[in-house]
Amino acid sequence: MPEPMSDSEIRQIIADYDDDLDKAMQRRDERLRAAIASGRRQADLVRITGMSREAIRQALNPEIREAVRVARAAKRAGQNRSVADE
């Protein structure tokens, strides 16, 4: 029977996923900004992609996207601490 994975190995699974997701979102956001630069409207992106207006707003504004990413990471870190404290 294989050795059980350590807590740090399991946490790394989530860290790797978050990193991959961040990279994918950056690529998507760059392409959506390019669509706007080409003359499309934000309403077009909402209609075509099915994304919410808020998701498109975040995608089009890197500062907002970063603030959301930081808040999400802080929330996750707080959840991990509370679980570890139990």
C-alpha atoms as a PDB file:
ATOM      1  CA  MET A   1       0.000   0.000   0.000  1.00  0.00           C
ATOM      2  CA  PRO A   2       1.447   3.434  -0.901  1.00  0.00           C
ATOM      3  CA  GLU A   3       2.451   5.925   1.767  1.00  0.00           C
ATOM      4  CA  PRO A   4      -0.333   8.451   2.524  1.00  0.00           C
ATOM      5  CA  MET A   5       0.211  11.916   1.084  1.00  0.00           C
ATOM      6  CA  SER A   6       1.383  14.534   3.551  1.00  0.00           C
ATOM      7  CA  ASP A   7      -0.703  17.585   4.424  1.00  0.00           C
ATOM      8  CA  SER A   8       1.751  19.804   2.533  1.00  0.00           C
ATOM      9  CA  GLU A   9       1.468  17.629  -0.589  1.00  0.00           C
ATOM     10  CA  ILE A  10      -2.305  17.922  -0.479  1.00  0.00           C
ATOM     11  CA  ARG A  11      -2.118  21.701   0.076  1.00  0.00           C
ATOM     12  CA  GLN A  12       0.213  21.887  -2.944  1.00  0.00           C
ATOM     13  CA  ILE A  13      -2.539  20.370  -5.113  1.00  0.00           C
ATOM     14  CA  ILE A  14      -4.711  23.401  -4.343  1.00  0.00           C
ATOM     15  CA  ALA A  15      -1.814  25.854  -4.767  1.00  0.00           C
ATOM     16  CA  ASP A  16      -1.010  24.383  -8.194  1.00  0.00           C
ATOM     17  CA  TYR A  17      -4.670  24.540  -9.222  1.00  0.00           C
ATOM     18  CA  ASP A  18      -4.939  28.161  -8.085  1.00  0.00           C
ATOM     19  CA  ASP A  19      -1.786  29.043 -10.044  1.00  0.00           C
ATOM     20  CA  ASP A  20      -3.078  27.339 -13.198  1.00  0.00           C
ATOM     21  CA  LEU A  21      -6.451  29.027 -12.791  1.00  0.00           C
ATOM     22  CA  ASP A  22      -4.836  32.451 -12.343  1.00  0.00           C
ATOM     23  CA  LYS A  23      -2.782  31.962 -15.523  1.00  0.00           C
ATOM     24  CA  ALA A  24      -5.832  30.849 -17.504  1.00  0.00           C
ATOM     25  CA  MET A  25      -7.858  33.822 -16.244  1.00  0.00           C
ATOM     26  CA  GLN A  26      -5.051  36.200 -17.205  1.00  0.00           C
ATOM     27  CA  ARG A  27      -4.997  34.808 -20.757  1.00  0.00           C
ATOM     28  CA  ARG A  28      -8.793  35.005 -21.005  1.00  0.00           C
ATOM     29  CA  ASP A  29      -8.864  38.548 -19.616  1.00  0.00           C
ATOM     30  CA  GLU A  30      -6.180  39.699 -22.084  1.00  0.00           C
ATOM     31  CA  ARG A  31      -8.221  38.301 -24.961  1.00  0.00           C
ATOM     32  CA  LEU A  32     -11.413  39.946 -23.714  1.00  0.00           C
ATOM     33  CA  ARG A  33      -9.571  43.288 -23.437  1.00  0.00           C
ATOM     34  CA  ALA A  34      -8.374  42.755 -27.022  1.00  0.00           C
ATOM     35  CA  ALA A  35     -12.002  42.229 -28.076  1.00  0.00           C
ATOM     36  CA  ILE A  36     -12.907  45.584 -26.494  1.00  0.00           C
ATOM     37  CA  ALA A  37      -9.910  47.233 -28.180  1.00  0.00           C
ATOM     38  CA  SER A  38     -11.136  45.862 -31.512  1.00  0.00           C
ATOM     39  CA  GLY A  39     -14.399  47.759 -31.129  1.00  0.00           C
ATOM     40  CA  ARG A  40     -16.688  45.300 -29.361  1.00  0.00           C
ATOM     41  CA  ARG A  41     -18.800  46.543 -26.466  1.00  0.00           C
ATOM     42  CA  GLN A  42     -18.933  45.131 -22.953  1.00  0.00           C
ATOM     43  CA  ALA A  43     -22.584  44.214 -23.566  1.00  0.00           C
ATOM     44  CA  ASP A  44     -21.450  42.159 -26.591  1.00  0.00           C
ATOM     45  CA  LEU A  45     -19.046  40.190 -24.403  1.00  0.00           C
ATOM     46  CA  VAL A  46     -21.746  39.522 -21.816  1.00  0.00           C
ATOM     47  CA  ARG A  47     -24.153  38.292 -24.485  1.00  0.00           C
ATOM     48  CA  ILE A  48     -21.634  36.201 -26.423  1.00  0.00           C
ATOM     49  CA  THR A  49     -19.757  34.623 -23.502  1.00  0.00           C
ATOM     50  CA  GLY A  50     -22.627  34.198 -21.069  1.00  0.00           C
ATOM     51  CA  MET A  51     -20.440  35.722 -18.354  1.00  0.00           C
ATOM     52  CA  SER A  52     -22.038  38.141 -15.915  1.00  0.00           C
ATOM     53  CA  ARG A  53     -21.532  41.892 -16.249  1.00  0.00           C
ATOM     54  CA  GLU A  54     -19.496  41.799 -13.038  1.00  0.00           C
ATOM     55  CA  ALA A  55     -17.235  39.010 -14.339  1.00  0.00           C
ATOM     56  CA  ILE A  56     -16.646  40.957 -17.550  1.00  0.00           C
ATOM     57  CA  ARG A  57     -15.980  44.143 -15.561  1.00  0.00           C
ATOM     58  CA  GLN A  58     -13.338  42.315 -13.533  1.00  0.00           C
ATOM     59  CA  ALA A  59     -11.829  40.779 -16.665  1.00  0.00           C
ATOM     60  CA  LEU A  60     -11.515  44.171 -18.338  1.00  0.00           C
ATOM     61  CA  ASN A  61      -9.875  45.847 -15.340  1.00  0.00           C
ATOM     62  CA  PRO A  62      -6.643  44.189 -14.116  1.00  0.00           C
ATOM     63  CA  GLU A  63      -6.666  46.189 -10.863  1.00  0.00           C
ATOM     64  CA  ILE A  64     -10.128  44.930  -9.947  1.00  0.00           C
ATOM     65  CA  ARG A  65      -9.162  41.374 -10.930  1.00  0.00           C
ATOM     66  CA  GLU A  66      -6.089  41.543  -8.658  1.00  0.00           C
ATOM     67  CA  ALA A  67      -8.117  42.893  -5.736  1.00  0.00           C
ATOM     68  CA  VAL A  68     -10.593  40.023  -6.110  1.00  0.00           C
ATOM     69  CA  ARG A  69      -7.736  37.487  -6.353  1.00  0.00           C
ATOM     70  CA  VAL A  70      -6.110  38.832  -3.179  1.00  0.00           C
ATOM     71  CA  ALA A  71      -9.424  38.792  -1.301  1.00  0.00           C
ATOM     72  CA  ARG A  72     -10.104  35.211  -2.427  1.00  0.00           C
ATOM     73  CA  ALA A  73      -6.632  34.095  -1.318  1.00  0.00           C
ATOM     74  CA  ALA A  74      -7.066  35.787   2.063  1.00  0.00           C
ATOM     75  CA  LYS A  75     -10.429  34.114   2.543  1.00  0.00           C
ATOM     76  CA  ARG A  76      -8.992  30.719   1.680  1.00  0.00           C
ATOM     77  CA  ALA A  77      -6.055  31.286   4.052  1.00  0.00           C
ATOM     78  CA  GLY A  78      -8.504  32.190   6.830  1.00  0.00           C
ATOM     79  CA  GLN A  79     -10.521  29.052   6.195  1.00  0.00           C
ATOM     80  CA  ASN A  80      -7.377  26.913   6.291  1.00  0.00           C
ATOM     81  CA  ARG A  81      -6.354  28.441   9.626  1.00  0.00           C
ATOM     82  CA  SER A  82      -9.747  27.863  11.209  1.00  0.00           C
ATOM     83  CA  VAL A  83      -9.738  24.220  10.105  1.00  0.00           C
ATOM     84  CA  ALA A  84      -6.190  23.763  11.397  1.00  0.00           C
ATOM     85  CA  ASP A  85      -7.147  25.305  14.745  1.00  0.00           C
ATOM     86  CA  GLU A  86      -9.865  22.711  15.352  1.00  0.00           C
END
